[in-house]
Amino acid sequence: MKYLDQPLHDYIPARTLSEHSKGLFKQNATDWMIRNRHRNGLHRHIKKVNGKLFLSLSGFHEWFENHQA
């Protein structure tokens, strides 16, 4: 059996990322990041369960810190 890398409380519904970013990202921006997750590397921090996407907050913070324009 494979265990999760992060505890479950670290995951949020991906569509709520803009709410958790405290105004840093607008909904359109987070939708774009999630939609293009395979191109921008964010896919490593997203899990799909029952058709819903969940994002690791700690993974997103890591991705954000290492991401460069």
N, C-alpha and C. Protein backbone atom coordinates (compact mmCIF):
# COMPACT_ATOMS: atom_id res chain seq x y z
N MET A 1 0.84 -1.17 0.00
CA MET A 1 0.00 0.00 0.00
C MET A 1 0.89 1.24 0.00
N LYS A 2 0.55 2.20 -0.86
CA LYS A 2 1.31 3.44 -0.95
C LYS A 2 0.67 4.50 -0.08
N TYR A 3 1.46 5.16 0.73
CA TYR A 3 0.96 6.22 1.60
C TYR A 3 1.14 7.57 0.94
N LEU A 4 0.32 8.52 1.32
CA LEU A 4 0.42 9.87 0.79
C LEU A 4 1.71 10.53 1.26
N ASP A 5 2.28 11.34 0.40
CA ASP A 5 3.49 12.07 0.76
C ASP A 5 3.19 13.16 1.78
N GLN A 6 2.02 13.80 1.65
CA GLN A 6 1.61 14.85 2.57
C GLN A 6 0.37 14.38 3.33
N PRO A 7 0.18 14.90 4.53
CA PRO A 7 -1.05 14.56 5.26
C PRO A 7 -2.26 15.13 4.53
N LEU A 8 -3.42 14.51 4.75
CA LEU A 8 -4.63 14.93 4.04
C LEU A 8 -5.00 16.38 4.30
N HIS A 9 -4.72 16.92 5.48
CA HIS A 9 -5.09 18.30 5.76
C HIS A 9 -4.30 19.29 4.91
N ASP A 10 -3.25 18.82 4.23
CA ASP A 10 -2.45 19.68 3.36
C ASP A 10 -3.14 19.90 2.02
N TYR A 11 -4.12 19.08 1.68
CA TYR A 11 -4.80 19.17 0.38
C TYR A 11 -6.06 20.02 0.47
N ILE A 12 -6.24 20.84 -0.56
CA ILE A 12 -7.46 21.65 -0.68
C ILE A 12 -8.06 21.38 -2.06
N PRO A 13 -9.35 21.62 -2.23
CA PRO A 13 -9.89 21.55 -3.58
C PRO A 13 -9.16 22.58 -4.45
N ALA A 14 -8.67 22.16 -5.60
CA ALA A 14 -7.85 23.03 -6.43
C ALA A 14 -8.57 24.31 -6.81
N ARG A 15 -9.89 24.25 -6.97
CA ARG A 15 -10.65 25.44 -7.38
C ARG A 15 -10.68 26.51 -6.29
N THR A 16 -10.27 26.17 -5.07
CA THR A 16 -10.27 27.16 -3.97
C THR A 16 -8.90 27.81 -3.76
N LEU A 17 -7.96 27.57 -4.65
CA LEU A 17 -6.61 28.11 -4.48
C LEU A 17 -6.62 29.63 -4.37
N SER A 18 -7.43 30.31 -5.17
CA SER A 18 -7.43 31.78 -5.11
C SER A 18 -7.87 32.27 -3.73
N GLU A 19 -8.80 31.57 -3.09
CA GLU A 19 -9.23 31.94 -1.75
C GLU A 19 -8.11 31.76 -0.73
N HIS A 20 -7.31 30.71 -0.91
CA HIS A 20 -6.22 30.42 0.02
C HIS A 20 -4.99 31.28 -0.23
N SER A 21 -4.93 31.95 -1.39
CA SER A 21 -3.75 32.76 -1.71
C SER A 21 -3.83 34.17 -1.10
N LYS A 22 -4.92 34.46 -0.40
CA LYS A 22 -5.08 35.74 0.30
C LYS A 22 -4.88 36.93 -0.64
N GLY A 23 -5.48 36.85 -1.81
CA GLY A 23 -5.45 37.96 -2.75
C GLY A 23 -4.26 37.99 -3.68
N LEU A 24 -3.32 37.07 -3.52
CA LEU A 24 -2.13 37.07 -4.38
C LEU A 24 -2.49 36.68 -5.81
N PHE A 25 -3.44 35.75 -5.96
CA PHE A 25 -3.87 35.30 -7.28
C PHE A 25 -5.37 35.44 -7.43
N LYS A 26 -5.80 35.91 -8.58
CA LYS A 26 -7.22 35.98 -8.90
C LYS A 26 -7.68 34.61 -9.39
N GLN A 27 -8.99 34.38 -9.39
CA GLN A 27 -9.54 33.09 -9.81
C GLN A 27 -9.12 32.72 -11.23
N ASN A 28 -9.13 33.69 -12.14
CA ASN A 28 -8.72 33.40 -13.52
C ASN A 28 -7.29 32.90 -13.59
N ALA A 29 -6.41 33.49 -12.80
CA ALA A 29 -5.00 33.09 -12.80
C ALA A 29 -4.83 31.68 -12.25
N THR A 30 -5.53 31.36 -11.16
CA THR A 30 -5.39 30.01 -10.60
C THR A 30 -6.02 28.97 -11.52
N ASP A 31 -7.13 29.32 -12.17
CA ASP A 31 -7.72 28.40 -13.14
C ASP A 31 -6.74 28.10 -14.26
N TRP A 32 -6.05 29.13 -14.74
CA TRP A 32 -5.07 28.95 -15.82
C TRP A 32 -3.91 28.07 -15.34
N MET A 33 -3.40 28.32 -14.13
CA MET A 33 -2.28 27.52 -13.61
C MET A 33 -2.68 26.05 -13.51
N ILE A 34 -3.88 25.79 -13.03
CA ILE A 34 -4.34 24.41 -12.85
C ILE A 34 -4.61 23.75 -14.20
N ARG A 35 -5.21 24.49 -15.12
CA ARG A 35 -5.51 23.95 -16.45
C ARG A 35 -4.22 23.60 -17.20
N ASN A 36 -3.16 24.37 -16.98
CA ASN A 36 -1.88 24.16 -17.66
C ASN A 36 -0.85 23.48 -16.76
N ARG A 37 -1.32 22.72 -15.78
CA ARG A 37 -0.44 22.12 -14.78
C ARG A 37 0.60 21.17 -15.37
N HIS A 38 0.30 20.53 -16.49
CA HIS A 38 1.27 19.61 -17.08
C HIS A 38 2.39 20.37 -17.80
N ARG A 39 2.12 21.59 -18.21
CA ARG A 39 3.15 22.40 -18.87
C ARG A 39 4.01 23.17 -17.87
N ASN A 40 3.40 23.58 -16.75
CA ASN A 40 4.14 24.42 -15.81
C ASN A 40 4.72 23.65 -14.62
N GLY A 41 4.49 22.34 -14.56
CA GLY A 41 5.07 21.52 -13.50
C GLY A 41 4.23 21.41 -12.24
N LEU A 42 3.09 22.06 -12.21
CA LEU A 42 2.24 22.03 -11.03
C LEU A 42 1.55 20.67 -10.86
N HIS A 43 1.52 19.87 -11.90
CA HIS A 43 0.85 18.56 -11.85
C HIS A 43 1.41 17.65 -10.76
N ARG A 44 2.66 17.85 -10.38
CA ARG A 44 3.27 17.02 -9.33
C ARG A 44 2.63 17.24 -7.97
N HIS A 45 1.89 18.33 -7.82
CA HIS A 45 1.30 18.68 -6.53
C HIS A 45 -0.23 18.59 -6.55
N ILE A 46 -0.77 18.00 -7.61
CA ILE A 46 -2.22 17.87 -7.76
C ILE A 46 -2.58 16.40 -7.88
N LYS A 47 -3.62 16.01 -7.18
CA LYS A 47 -4.15 14.64 -7.26
C LYS A 47 -5.60 14.73 -7.71
N LYS A 48 -5.99 13.79 -8.57
CA LYS A 48 -7.36 13.73 -9.05
C LYS A 48 -8.05 12.55 -8.38
N VAL A 49 -9.14 12.83 -7.66
CA VAL A 49 -9.89 11.81 -6.94
C VAL A 49 -11.37 11.98 -7.28
N ASN A 50 -11.98 10.92 -7.80
CA ASN A 50 -13.40 10.96 -8.17
C ASN A 50 -13.74 12.15 -9.06
N GLY A 51 -12.84 12.48 -9.97
CA GLY A 51 -13.07 13.56 -10.91
C GLY A 51 -12.81 14.95 -10.37
N LYS A 52 -12.38 15.06 -9.12
CA LYS A 52 -12.09 16.36 -8.52
C LYS A 52 -10.58 16.51 -8.32
N LEU A 53 -10.10 17.72 -8.51
CA LEU A 53 -8.68 18.00 -8.35
C LEU A 53 -8.40 18.55 -6.96
N PHE A 54 -7.36 18.02 -6.33
CA PHE A 54 -6.94 18.47 -5.01
C PHE A 54 -5.47 18.90 -5.10
N LEU A 55 -5.17 20.01 -4.48
CA LEU A 55 -3.84 20.60 -4.54
C LEU A 55 -3.19 20.58 -3.17
N SER A 56 -1.94 20.17 -3.14
CA SER A 56 -1.15 20.21 -1.91
C SER A 56 -0.66 21.64 -1.70
N LEU A 57 -1.06 22.24 -0.58
CA LEU A 57 -0.62 23.62 -0.31
C LEU A 57 0.89 23.71 -0.13
N SER A 58 1.47 22.75 0.57
CA SER A 58 2.93 22.79 0.74
C SER A 58 3.62 22.58 -0.60
N GLY A 59 3.06 21.72 -1.44
CA GLY A 59 3.61 21.52 -2.78
C GLY A 59 3.49 22.77 -3.63
N PHE A 60 2.35 23.47 -3.51
CA PHE A 60 2.18 24.71 -4.26
C PHE A 60 3.19 25.75 -3.80
N HIS A 61 3.41 25.86 -2.50
CA HIS A 61 4.39 26.82 -1.99
C HIS A 61 5.78 26.50 -2.53
N GLU A 62 6.13 25.22 -2.55
CA GLU A 62 7.43 24.81 -3.10
C GLU A 62 7.51 25.17 -4.57
N TRP A 63 6.46 24.86 -5.34
CA TRP A 63 6.42 25.17 -6.76
C TRP A 63 6.56 26.67 -6.98
N PHE A 64 5.83 27.45 -6.20
CA PHE A 64 5.85 28.90 -6.34
C PHE A 64 7.24 29.46 -6.07
N GLU A 65 7.89 28.98 -5.03
CA GLU A 65 9.24 29.46 -4.69
C GLU A 65 10.26 29.12 -5.77
N ASN A 66 10.09 27.99 -6.45
CA ASN A 66 11.05 27.55 -7.47
C ASN A 66 10.68 28.00 -8.87
N HIS A 67 9.47 28.54 -9.04
CA HIS A 67 8.99 28.93 -10.35
C HIS A 67 9.57 30.29 -10.75
N GLN A 68 10.04 30.36 -11.98
CA GLN A 68 10.56 31.63 -12.49
C GLN A 68 9.90 31.94 -13.82
N ALA A 69 9.62 33.20 -14.04
CA ALA A 69 8.97 33.63 -15.28
C ALA A 69 9.96 33.62 -16.42
